[in-house]
N, C-alpha and C. Protein backbone atom coordinates (compact mmCIF):
# COMPACT_ATOMS: atom_id res chain seq x y z
N MET A 1 111.71 87.52 65.04
CA MET A 1 112.36 88.05 65.08
C MET A 1 112.44 88.53 66.24
N LEU A 2 111.62 88.26 67.18
CA LEU A 2 111.07 88.58 68.63
C LEU A 2 111.70 87.45 69.49
N ASP A 3 111.76 86.09 68.90
CA ASP A 3 112.24 84.98 69.47
C ASP A 3 113.05 85.17 70.54
N GLY A 4 112.83 84.90 71.63
CA GLY A 4 113.47 84.30 72.97
C GLY A 4 113.45 85.11 73.75
N PHE A 5 112.91 86.67 73.72
CA PHE A 5 112.92 88.15 73.60
C PHE A 5 111.81 88.65 74.65
N LYS A 6 112.18 88.81 75.77
CA LYS A 6 111.33 88.91 76.90
C LYS A 6 110.77 90.63 76.50
N ILE A 7 109.45 90.83 77.01
CA ILE A 7 109.18 92.14 76.98
C ILE A 7 108.04 92.91 78.21
N ILE A 8 109.41 94.10 78.43
CA ILE A 8 108.78 94.81 79.70
C ILE A 8 108.02 96.20 79.20
N CYS A 9 107.35 96.49 79.90
CA CYS A 9 106.19 97.78 80.15
C CYS A 9 107.00 98.44 81.01
N VAL A 10 107.45 99.76 80.51
CA VAL A 10 107.76 100.66 81.92
C VAL A 10 107.13 102.06 81.60
N HIS A 11 106.63 102.28 82.39
CA HIS A 11 105.37 103.92 82.49
C HIS A 11 106.06 104.60 82.82
N ASN A 12 106.76 105.78 81.81
CA ASN A 12 107.15 106.91 81.92
C ASN A 12 107.06 107.63 83.32
N ASP A 13 105.50 108.00 83.78
CA ASP A 13 105.47 108.77 85.08
C ASP A 13 105.99 107.66 86.40
N ILE A 14 106.02 106.53 86.43
CA ILE A 14 106.74 105.29 87.06
C ILE A 14 108.11 106.10 87.87
N PHE A 15 108.82 105.81 86.29
CA PHE A 15 110.58 105.91 86.43
C PHE A 15 110.96 106.40 85.66
N PRO A 16 111.86 107.26 85.40
CA PRO A 16 112.12 108.59 84.60
C PRO A 16 113.18 107.37 83.42
N LEU A 17 112.76 107.57 81.92
CA LEU A 17 114.03 107.36 81.33
C LEU A 17 115.23 106.97 81.61
N GLU A 18 116.35 108.20 82.29
CA GLU A 18 117.26 107.73 82.80
C GLU A 18 117.52 106.38 82.94
N VAL A 19 116.42 106.07 84.16
CA VAL A 19 116.32 104.92 84.90
C VAL A 19 116.14 103.89 84.54
N VAL A 20 115.80 103.79 83.15
CA VAL A 20 115.53 102.56 82.14
C VAL A 20 116.97 102.73 81.86
N TYR A 21 117.16 103.47 81.54
CA TYR A 21 118.46 103.30 80.36
C TYR A 21 119.45 102.27 81.33
N ALA A 22 119.69 103.59 82.18
CA ALA A 22 120.83 102.77 83.28
C ALA A 22 120.87 101.04 83.68
N ALA A 23 119.53 101.14 84.23
CA ALA A 23 119.16 99.83 84.73
C ALA A 23 119.65 98.53 83.52
N ALA A 24 119.43 99.13 82.20
CA ALA A 24 119.39 97.88 80.89
C ALA A 24 120.67 98.15 80.54
N TYR A 25 121.86 99.13 81.03
CA TYR A 25 123.23 99.26 80.82
C TYR A 25 123.75 98.36 80.92
N ALA A 26 122.87 98.19 82.94
CA ALA A 26 123.97 97.42 83.87
C ALA A 26 123.67 95.62 83.29
N LEU A 27 122.53 95.42 82.81
CA LEU A 27 122.57 94.17 82.04
C LEU A 27 123.05 93.63 80.39
N LEU A 28 123.64 94.47 79.97
CA LEU A 28 124.41 94.36 78.59
C LEU A 28 124.99 93.38 79.09
N GLU A 29 125.85 93.26 79.35
CA GLU A 29 127.01 91.85 79.19
C GLU A 29 126.27 90.78 79.79
N LYS A 30 125.15 90.59 80.22
CA LYS A 30 124.32 89.27 80.19
C LYS A 30 123.03 89.09 79.23
N SER A 31 122.43 90.27 78.47
CA SER A 31 121.33 90.23 77.77
C SER A 31 121.31 91.19 75.88
N TYR A 32 121.16 90.78 75.43
CA TYR A 32 120.64 91.59 74.35
C TYR A 32 119.75 92.66 74.66
N VAL A 33 119.80 93.69 74.50
CA VAL A 33 118.70 95.22 74.65
C VAL A 33 118.18 95.70 74.07
N PHE A 34 116.85 96.21 73.66
CA PHE A 34 116.45 96.94 72.58
C PHE A 34 115.10 97.89 73.18
N PHE A 35 114.80 99.18 73.02
CA PHE A 35 113.67 99.90 73.33
C PHE A 35 112.56 99.64 71.81
N GLU A 36 111.44 100.37 72.33
CA GLU A 36 110.48 100.70 71.84
C GLU A 36 109.77 102.34 72.90
N GLU A 37 109.92 103.36 72.52
CA GLU A 37 109.37 104.47 73.31
C GLU A 37 108.06 104.98 72.22
N ASP A 38 107.38 105.56 73.17
CA ASP A 38 106.22 106.51 72.74
C ASP A 38 105.73 107.71 74.23
N ASP A 39 105.05 108.20 74.20
CA ASP A 39 105.12 109.02 75.35
C ASP A 39 104.29 108.28 76.05
N ALA A 40 104.06 107.53 76.61
CA ALA A 40 103.17 106.54 78.14
C ALA A 40 104.43 106.15 78.23
N HIS A 41 104.70 105.16 77.63
CA HIS A 41 105.81 104.18 78.63
C HIS A 41 106.88 103.47 77.09
N VAL A 42 107.51 102.87 77.88
CA VAL A 42 108.57 102.12 77.16
C VAL A 42 108.60 100.91 76.96
N GLN A 43 109.05 100.30 76.60
CA GLN A 43 108.83 98.99 75.95
C GLN A 43 110.41 98.12 76.31
N VAL A 44 110.65 97.71 76.95
CA VAL A 44 112.25 97.14 76.89
C VAL A 44 111.72 95.73 76.24
N TYR A 45 113.06 95.04 75.50
CA TYR A 45 113.26 94.02 75.01
C TYR A 45 114.36 93.58 75.14
N LEU A 46 114.41 93.01 76.42
CA LEU A 46 115.48 91.55 76.96
C LEU A 46 115.66 90.55 76.43
N ARG A 47 116.64 89.59 76.15
CA ARG A 47 116.50 88.50 75.78
C ARG A 47 118.34 87.30 76.58
N PRO A 48 118.41 86.50 77.25
CA PRO A 48 119.75 86.05 77.58
C PRO A 48 120.54 86.06 76.59
N LYS A 49 121.99 86.38 76.84
CA LYS A 49 123.05 85.57 76.35
C LYS A 49 123.21 84.33 76.17
N ASP A 50 123.27 84.27 77.91
CA ASP A 50 123.44 82.42 77.74
C ASP A 50 122.03 81.77 77.91
N GLY A 51 121.21 82.46 77.36
CA GLY A 51 119.59 81.71 76.98
C GLY A 51 119.25 81.28 78.82
N LYS A 52 119.96 81.12 79.90
CA LYS A 52 119.24 80.69 80.91
C LYS A 52 119.08 81.71 82.31
N THR A 53 119.98 82.88 82.13
CA THR A 53 119.47 83.55 82.68
C THR A 53 118.38 84.54 83.33
N ASP A 54 117.55 84.83 84.38
CA ASP A 54 115.90 85.31 84.39
C ASP A 54 116.53 87.33 84.25
N VAL A 55 116.76 87.42 82.83
CA VAL A 55 117.06 88.71 82.85
C VAL A 55 115.91 89.22 82.92
N VAL A 56 114.98 89.29 83.05
CA VAL A 56 113.06 90.05 83.42
C VAL A 56 113.45 90.37 84.92
N HIS A 57 113.50 89.30 85.93
CA HIS A 57 113.82 89.78 87.47
C HIS A 57 115.32 90.99 87.79
N LEU A 58 116.79 90.56 86.89
CA LEU A 58 117.38 91.39 87.42
C LEU A 58 117.59 92.42 86.93
N PHE A 59 116.16 93.05 85.68
CA PHE A 59 116.20 94.14 85.13
C PHE A 59 115.61 95.14 85.92
N TRP A 60 114.01 94.30 86.82
CA TRP A 60 113.24 95.01 87.71
C TRP A 60 114.46 95.19 88.74
N ASP A 61 115.14 94.08 89.36
CA ASP A 61 115.82 94.78 90.34
C ASP A 61 116.71 95.81 90.41
N GLN A 62 117.34 95.95 89.05
CA GLN A 62 118.16 96.86 88.74
C GLN A 62 117.43 98.36 88.73
N LEU A 63 115.99 98.90 88.33
CA LEU A 63 115.27 99.36 88.35
C LEU A 63 114.85 100.08 89.60
N ILE A 64 114.35 99.17 89.82
CA ILE A 64 114.12 99.46 91.42
C ILE A 64 115.57 100.45 92.54
N CYS A 65 116.58 99.53 91.92
CA CYS A 65 117.52 100.05 92.85
C CYS A 65 118.09 101.65 92.49
N LEU A 66 118.31 101.78 91.02
CA LEU A 66 118.94 102.97 90.49
C LEU A 66 117.59 103.99 91.24
N ALA A 67 116.12 103.61 90.88
CA ALA A 67 115.06 104.68 91.27
C ALA A 67 115.17 104.67 92.56
N MET A 68 115.73 103.99 93.91
CA MET A 68 115.47 104.28 95.19
C MET A 68 117.00 105.18 95.47
N TYR A 69 117.80 105.16 94.68
CA TYR A 69 118.90 105.47 94.96
C TYR A 69 119.08 107.11 94.09
N GLY A 70 118.14 107.58 93.01
CA GLY A 70 118.21 109.02 92.40
C GLY A 70 117.31 109.22 93.53
N LEU A 71 116.03 108.60 93.80
CA LEU A 71 115.26 109.66 95.10
C LEU A 71 116.24 109.90 96.42
N GLN A 72 116.29 109.04 96.98
CA GLN A 72 117.12 109.31 98.02
C GLN A 72 118.45 110.26 97.81
N SER A 73 119.21 110.08 96.64
CA SER A 73 119.97 110.99 96.35
C SER A 73 119.50 113.04 96.65
N SER A 74 118.34 113.00 95.73
CA SER A 74 118.01 113.37 95.55
C SER A 74 117.39 114.52 97.12
N GLN A 75 116.93 113.37 97.89
CA GLN A 75 116.31 114.03 99.32
C GLN A 75 117.50 114.41 99.86
N HIS A 76 118.18 113.73 99.58
CA HIS A 76 119.44 114.57 100.58
C HIS A 76 121.17 115.30 99.61
N ALA A 77 120.17 115.81 99.02
CA ALA A 77 121.29 116.64 98.38
C ALA A 77 121.74 118.02 99.55
N LYS A 78 120.74 118.57 99.86
CA LYS A 78 120.69 119.48 100.25
C LYS A 78 121.48 119.36 101.86
N THR A 79 122.04 118.15 102.36
CA THR A 79 122.56 117.92 102.93
C THR A 79 123.73 117.83 102.99
N ARG A 80 123.99 117.10 101.78
CA ARG A 80 125.69 117.04 101.39
C ARG A 80 125.75 117.99 100.87
N GLN A 81 125.27 119.07 100.39
CA GLN A 81 125.45 120.34 100.44
C GLN A 81 126.94 120.80 101.27
N LEU A 82 125.69 121.26 102.12
CA LEU A 82 125.76 121.64 103.57
C LEU A 82 127.46 121.03 104.57
N LEU A 83 126.80 120.14 104.28
CA LEU A 83 128.34 119.49 104.43
C LEU A 83 129.28 119.53 104.19
N GLN A 84 129.55 119.78 102.33
CA GLN A 84 130.93 120.26 101.33
C GLN A 84 131.16 121.41 102.45
N GLN A 85 130.01 122.39 102.33
CA GLN A 85 130.84 123.65 103.08
C GLN A 85 131.31 124.17 103.90
N ARG A 86 130.63 122.68 105.37
CA ARG A 86 131.31 123.03 106.15
C ARG A 86 132.89 122.63 105.92
N VAL A 87 133.18 121.60 105.13
CA VAL A 87 134.03 120.84 105.45
C VAL A 87 135.03 122.29 104.58
N LEU A 88 134.78 122.55 103.82
CA LEU A 88 134.94 123.96 103.44
C LEU A 88 135.61 124.83 104.46
N LEU A 89 134.90 125.34 104.71
CA LEU A 89 135.05 126.47 105.94
C LEU A 89 135.48 126.28 106.72
N THR A 90 135.90 125.02 107.16
CA THR A 90 136.43 124.62 108.56
C THR A 90 138.27 124.15 108.19
N ALA A 91 138.32 123.78 106.52
CA ALA A 91 139.67 123.61 106.47
C ALA A 91 140.42 125.13 106.03
N GLY A 92 140.09 126.00 106.12
CA GLY A 92 140.55 126.96 105.73
C GLY A 92 140.18 127.49 104.19
N TYR A 93 139.21 126.98 103.92
CA TYR A 93 139.03 127.54 102.29
C TYR A 93 138.14 128.83 101.86
N ASP A 94 139.17 129.47 100.74
CA ASP A 94 138.61 130.86 101.05
C ASP A 94 138.26 131.43 99.54
N PRO A 95 137.48 131.38 99.01
CA PRO A 95 136.89 131.72 97.29
C PRO A 95 137.25 132.89 96.81
N ASN A 96 137.73 133.99 97.86
CA ASN A 96 138.25 135.39 97.43
C ASN A 96 139.55 135.13 97.43
N ARG A 97 140.63 133.71 97.84
CA ARG A 97 141.79 134.25 97.91
C ARG A 97 142.23 133.54 96.43
N GLU A 98 143.72 134.50 95.84
CA GLU A 98 143.91 133.81 94.46
C GLU A 98 145.19 133.00 94.63
N GLU A 99 145.74 132.80 95.69
CA GLU A 99 146.46 131.74 95.56
C GLU A 99 146.19 130.30 96.56
N LEU A 100 146.32 129.12 96.02
CA LEU A 100 146.31 128.21 96.37
C LEU A 100 146.70 128.04 97.92
N LEU A 101 146.53 127.52 98.45
CA LEU A 101 147.05 127.09 100.16
C LEU A 101 147.24 125.35 99.78
N VAL A 102 148.38 124.92 99.87
CA VAL A 102 148.86 124.03 100.19
C VAL A 102 149.54 123.17 101.75
N PRO A 103 149.17 122.75 102.05
CA PRO A 103 150.05 121.98 103.39
C PRO A 103 151.71 122.03 102.81
N TRP A 104 152.12 121.45 102.07
CA TRP A 104 153.29 121.09 101.90
C TRP A 104 153.96 121.81 101.38
N GLY A 105 153.93 123.61 100.94
CA GLY A 105 154.17 124.09 101.08
C GLY A 105 154.69 124.81 99.67
N ASP A 106 155.26 125.91 99.37
CA ASP A 106 155.63 125.95 98.07
C ASP A 106 156.81 125.49 97.30
N PRO A 107 156.14 124.49 95.91
CA PRO A 107 157.12 123.98 94.79
C PRO A 107 158.36 124.72 94.46
N SER A 108 158.24 125.82 94.29
CA SER A 108 159.47 126.73 93.64
C SER A 108 160.32 127.51 95.08
N ASP A 109 159.81 126.94 95.66
CA ASP A 109 160.70 127.35 97.10
C ASP A 109 162.13 126.36 97.11
């Protein structure tokens, strides 16, 4: 049953389950994927569809890239929020105003 499948063991305390799923999803066009999970780790089974592609290295590349993206995104969340607030304040946005301000005027005129 597991002929041609490469098995990768990923520990849950190092990589969140969402990141493992996202990395596997990125390889769906190139490989067959299935999982076995328990409390401590996830086993990812990969087999290339063409029989030649090195899906193990591709999986690890995706896993590391997605984990770093998630880490950087969470670290910069406060900065992003402050920038969005600044843009809305300088654009004349007023959350208490009922009508929508549009630069092209009212289309009913």
